């Protein structure tokens, strides 16, 4: 009987920890060449995009309140800088793109 209680307590603790961890729920993606990184924060209400080179990059994302509108957060400030969006409804879809002059941008797959 004590072994069953210990196992049940361990399972409950693991479930509670996973549910309480905001990092487990955040969306994040590197651009294909790892020149930029985008992630959500504060319960997926904000998105940030950081560049690692002098090239511009952007995060494309969708919010729950306007789920058919693709939004873009640009970072054109140079290597090592981060741009952060204003708050809003929950972000449920995110990708990171490297700007490519006179061509389609190089984007990651979507994170849901």
C-alpha atoms as a PDB file:
ATOM      1  CA  UNK A   1       0.000   0.000   0.000  1.00  0.00           C
ATOM      2  CA  UNK A   2       2.740   2.591   0.779  1.00  0.00           C
ATOM      3  CA  UNK A   3       4.325   1.939  -2.627  1.00  0.00           C
ATOM      4  CA  UNK A   4       1.049   2.740  -4.406  1.00  0.00           C
ATOM      5  CA  UNK A   5       0.681   6.011  -2.483  1.00  0.00           C
ATOM      6  CA  UNK A   6       4.256   7.012  -3.312  1.00  0.00           C
ATOM      7  CA  UNK A   7       3.709   6.308  -7.016  1.00  0.00           C
ATOM      8  CA  UNK A   8       0.430   8.209  -7.059  1.00  0.00           C
ATOM      9  CA  UNK A   9       2.037  11.154  -5.265  1.00  0.00           C
ATOM     10  CA  UNK A  10       4.898  11.211  -7.772  1.00  0.00           C
ATOM     11  CA  UNK A  11       2.485  11.214 -10.716  1.00  0.00           C
ATOM     12  CA  UNK A  12       0.399  14.007  -9.175  1.00  0.00           C
ATOM     13  CA  UNK A  13       3.522  16.079  -8.503  1.00  0.00           C
ATOM     14  CA  UNK A  14       4.732  15.650 -12.095  1.00  0.00           C
ATOM     15  CA  UNK A  15       1.350  16.662 -13.519  1.00  0.00           C
ATOM     16  CA  UNK A  16       1.144  19.711 -11.241  1.00  0.00           C
ATOM     17  CA  UNK A  17       4.664  20.798 -12.164  1.00  0.00           C
ATOM     18  CA  UNK A  18       4.007  20.472 -15.896  1.00  0.00           C
ATOM     19  CA  UNK A  19       0.758  22.422 -15.635  1.00  0.00           C
ATOM     20  CA  UNK A  20       2.382  25.196 -13.585  1.00  0.00           C
ATOM     21  CA  UNK A  21       5.389  25.651 -15.856  1.00  0.00           C
ATOM     22  CA  UNK A  22       4.849  28.559 -18.281  1.00  0.00           C
ATOM     23  CA  UNK A  23       7.970  27.596 -20.243  1.00  0.00           C
ATOM     24  CA  UNK A  24       6.339  24.304 -21.193  1.00  0.00           C
ATOM     25  CA  UNK A  25       3.500  26.214 -22.853  1.00  0.00           C
ATOM     26  CA  UNK A  26       5.505  28.967 -24.609  1.00  0.00           C
ATOM     27  CA  UNK A  27       5.943  28.943 -28.377  1.00  0.00           C
ATOM     28  CA  UNK A  28       9.414  29.409 -29.853  1.00  0.00           C
ATOM     29  CA  UNK A  29      11.255  28.974 -33.147  1.00  0.00           C
ATOM     30  CA  UNK A  30      14.720  29.617 -34.579  1.00  0.00           C
ATOM     31  CA  UNK A  31      14.964  30.861 -38.145  1.00  0.00           C
ATOM     32  CA  UNK A  32      16.303  28.258 -40.609  1.00  0.00           C
ATOM     33  CA  UNK A  33      19.935  29.478 -40.411  1.00  0.00           C
ATOM     34  CA  UNK A  34      19.677  30.342 -36.691  1.00  0.00           C
ATOM     35  CA  UNK A  35      20.162  34.047 -37.457  1.00  0.00           C
ATOM     36  CA  UNK A  36      17.082  34.940 -35.389  1.00  0.00           C
ATOM     37  CA  UNK A  37      14.922  33.521 -32.603  1.00  0.00           C
ATOM     38  CA  UNK A  38      11.315  34.315 -31.669  1.00  0.00           C
ATOM     39  CA  UNK A  39       9.372  33.280 -28.579  1.00  0.00           C
ATOM     40  CA  UNK A  40       6.193  34.056 -26.680  1.00  0.00           C
ATOM     41  CA  UNK A  41       6.099  35.120 -23.058  1.00  0.00           C
ATOM     42  CA  UNK A  42       3.737  36.116 -20.252  1.00  0.00           C
ATOM     43  CA  UNK A  43       1.166  33.391 -20.991  1.00  0.00           C
ATOM     44  CA  UNK A  44       1.630  33.785 -24.771  1.00  0.00           C
ATOM     45  CA  UNK A  45       0.381  37.410 -24.692  1.00  0.00           C
ATOM     46  CA  UNK A  46       3.631  38.941 -26.073  1.00  0.00           C
ATOM     47  CA  UNK A  47       6.090  37.865 -28.766  1.00  0.00           C
ATOM     48  CA  UNK A  48       9.778  38.797 -29.014  1.00  0.00           C
ATOM     49  CA  UNK A  49      12.266  38.371 -31.857  1.00  0.00           C
ATOM     50  CA  UNK A  50      16.042  38.535 -31.385  1.00  0.00           C
ATOM     51  CA  UNK A  51      18.583  38.817 -34.199  1.00  0.00           C
ATOM     52  CA  UNK A  52      22.070  37.309 -33.999  1.00  0.00           C
ATOM     53  CA  UNK A  53      23.440  38.975 -37.168  1.00  0.00           C
ATOM     54  CA  UNK A  54      23.157  42.396 -38.779  1.00  0.00           C
ATOM     55  CA  UNK A  55      20.338  41.109 -41.012  1.00  0.00           C
ATOM     56  CA  UNK A  56      16.717  42.022 -40.318  1.00  0.00           C
ATOM     57  CA  UNK A  57      14.293  39.371 -39.109  1.00  0.00           C
ATOM     58  CA  UNK A  58      10.632  39.093 -38.216  1.00  0.00           C
ATOM     59  CA  UNK A  59       8.246  36.916 -36.266  1.00  0.00           C
ATOM     60  CA  UNK A  60       4.967  36.022 -37.957  1.00  0.00           C
ATOM     61  CA  UNK A  61       2.163  35.110 -35.574  1.00  0.00           C
ATOM     62  CA  UNK A  62      -1.577  34.731 -35.041  1.00  0.00           C
ATOM     63  CA  UNK A  63      -3.641  35.820 -32.023  1.00  0.00           C
ATOM     64  CA  UNK A  64      -6.815  34.152 -30.761  1.00  0.00           C
ATOM     65  CA  UNK A  65      -8.945  37.320 -30.991  1.00  0.00           C
ATOM     66  CA  UNK A  66      -8.208  37.697 -34.727  1.00  0.00           C
ATOM     67  CA  UNK A  67      -7.324  34.141 -35.659  1.00  0.00           C
ATOM     68  CA  UNK A  68      -7.272  34.692 -39.443  1.00  0.00           C
ATOM     69  CA  UNK A  69      -5.013  37.768 -39.362  1.00  0.00           C
ATOM     70  CA  UNK A  70      -1.298  37.099 -39.752  1.00  0.00           C
ATOM     71  CA  UNK A  71       0.743  39.644 -37.806  1.00  0.00           C
ATOM     72  CA  UNK A  72       4.425  40.545 -38.169  1.00  0.00           C
ATOM     73  CA  UNK A  73       6.917  41.808 -35.605  1.00  0.00           C
ATOM     74  CA  UNK A  74      10.060  43.193 -37.268  1.00  0.00           C
ATOM     75  CA  UNK A  75      13.522  43.563 -35.765  1.00  0.00           C
ATOM     76  CA  UNK A  76      15.705  45.786 -37.966  1.00  0.00           C
ATOM     77  CA  UNK A  77      17.968  47.035 -35.160  1.00  0.00           C
ATOM     78  CA  UNK A  78      20.991  44.799 -35.709  1.00  0.00           C
ATOM     79  CA  UNK A  79      22.843  41.949 -34.067  1.00  0.00           C
ATOM     80  CA  UNK A  80      22.052  41.147 -30.456  1.00  0.00           C
ATOM     81  CA  UNK A  81      18.892  43.259 -30.301  1.00  0.00           C
ATOM     82  CA  UNK A  82      15.378  42.183 -29.330  1.00  0.00           C
ATOM     83  CA  UNK A  83      12.028  43.623 -30.391  1.00  0.00           C
ATOM     84  CA  UNK A  84       8.887  42.852 -28.362  1.00  0.00           C
ATOM     85  CA  UNK A  85       5.258  43.251 -29.353  1.00  0.00           C
ATOM     86  CA  UNK A  86       2.549  44.894 -27.345  1.00  0.00           C
ATOM     87  CA  UNK A  87       0.256  42.638 -25.355  1.00  0.00           C
ATOM     88  CA  UNK A  88      -2.943  41.154 -26.672  1.00  0.00           C
ATOM     89  CA  UNK A  89      -4.918  37.961 -26.833  1.00  0.00           C
ATOM     90  CA  UNK A  90      -3.151  34.608 -26.707  1.00  0.00           C
ATOM     91  CA  UNK A  91      -0.697  33.861 -29.524  1.00  0.00           C
ATOM     92  CA  UNK A  92      -1.356  30.370 -30.864  1.00  0.00           C
ATOM     93  CA  UNK A  93       0.860  30.157 -33.979  1.00  0.00           C
ATOM     94  CA  UNK A  94       4.425  31.457 -34.474  1.00  0.00           C
ATOM     95  CA  UNK A  95       7.304  31.273 -36.944  1.00  0.00           C
ATOM     96  CA  UNK A  96      10.610  33.136 -37.356  1.00  0.00           C
ATOM     97  CA  UNK A  97      11.882  34.551 -40.654  1.00  0.00           C
ATOM     98  CA  UNK A  98      15.178  35.935 -41.934  1.00  0.00           C
ATOM     99  CA  UNK A  99      14.714  38.854 -44.324  1.00  0.00           C
ATOM    100  CA  UNK A 100      16.030  38.148 -47.846  1.00  0.00           C
ATOM    101  CA  UNK A 101      16.370  41.197 -50.121  1.00  0.00           C
ATOM    102  CA  UNK A 102      14.359  41.001 -53.369  1.00  0.00           C
ATOM    103  CA  UNK A 103      13.253  37.446 -52.603  1.00  0.00           C
ATOM    104  CA  UNK A 104      10.946  35.431 -50.369  1.00  0.00           C
ATOM    105  CA  UNK A 105      12.060  35.536 -46.756  1.00  0.00           C
ATOM    106  CA  UNK A 106      13.581  32.377 -45.276  1.00  0.00           C
ATOM    107  CA  UNK A 107      11.112  31.185 -42.628  1.00  0.00           C
ATOM    108  CA  UNK A 108      10.955  28.371 -40.119  1.00  0.00           C
ATOM    109  CA  UNK A 109       7.996  26.050 -39.866  1.00  0.00           C
ATOM    110  CA  UNK A 110       5.123  27.036 -37.602  1.00  0.00           C
ATOM    111  CA  UNK A 111       5.016  26.311 -33.868  1.00  0.00           C
ATOM    112  CA  UNK A 112       1.528  25.741 -32.440  1.00  0.00           C
END
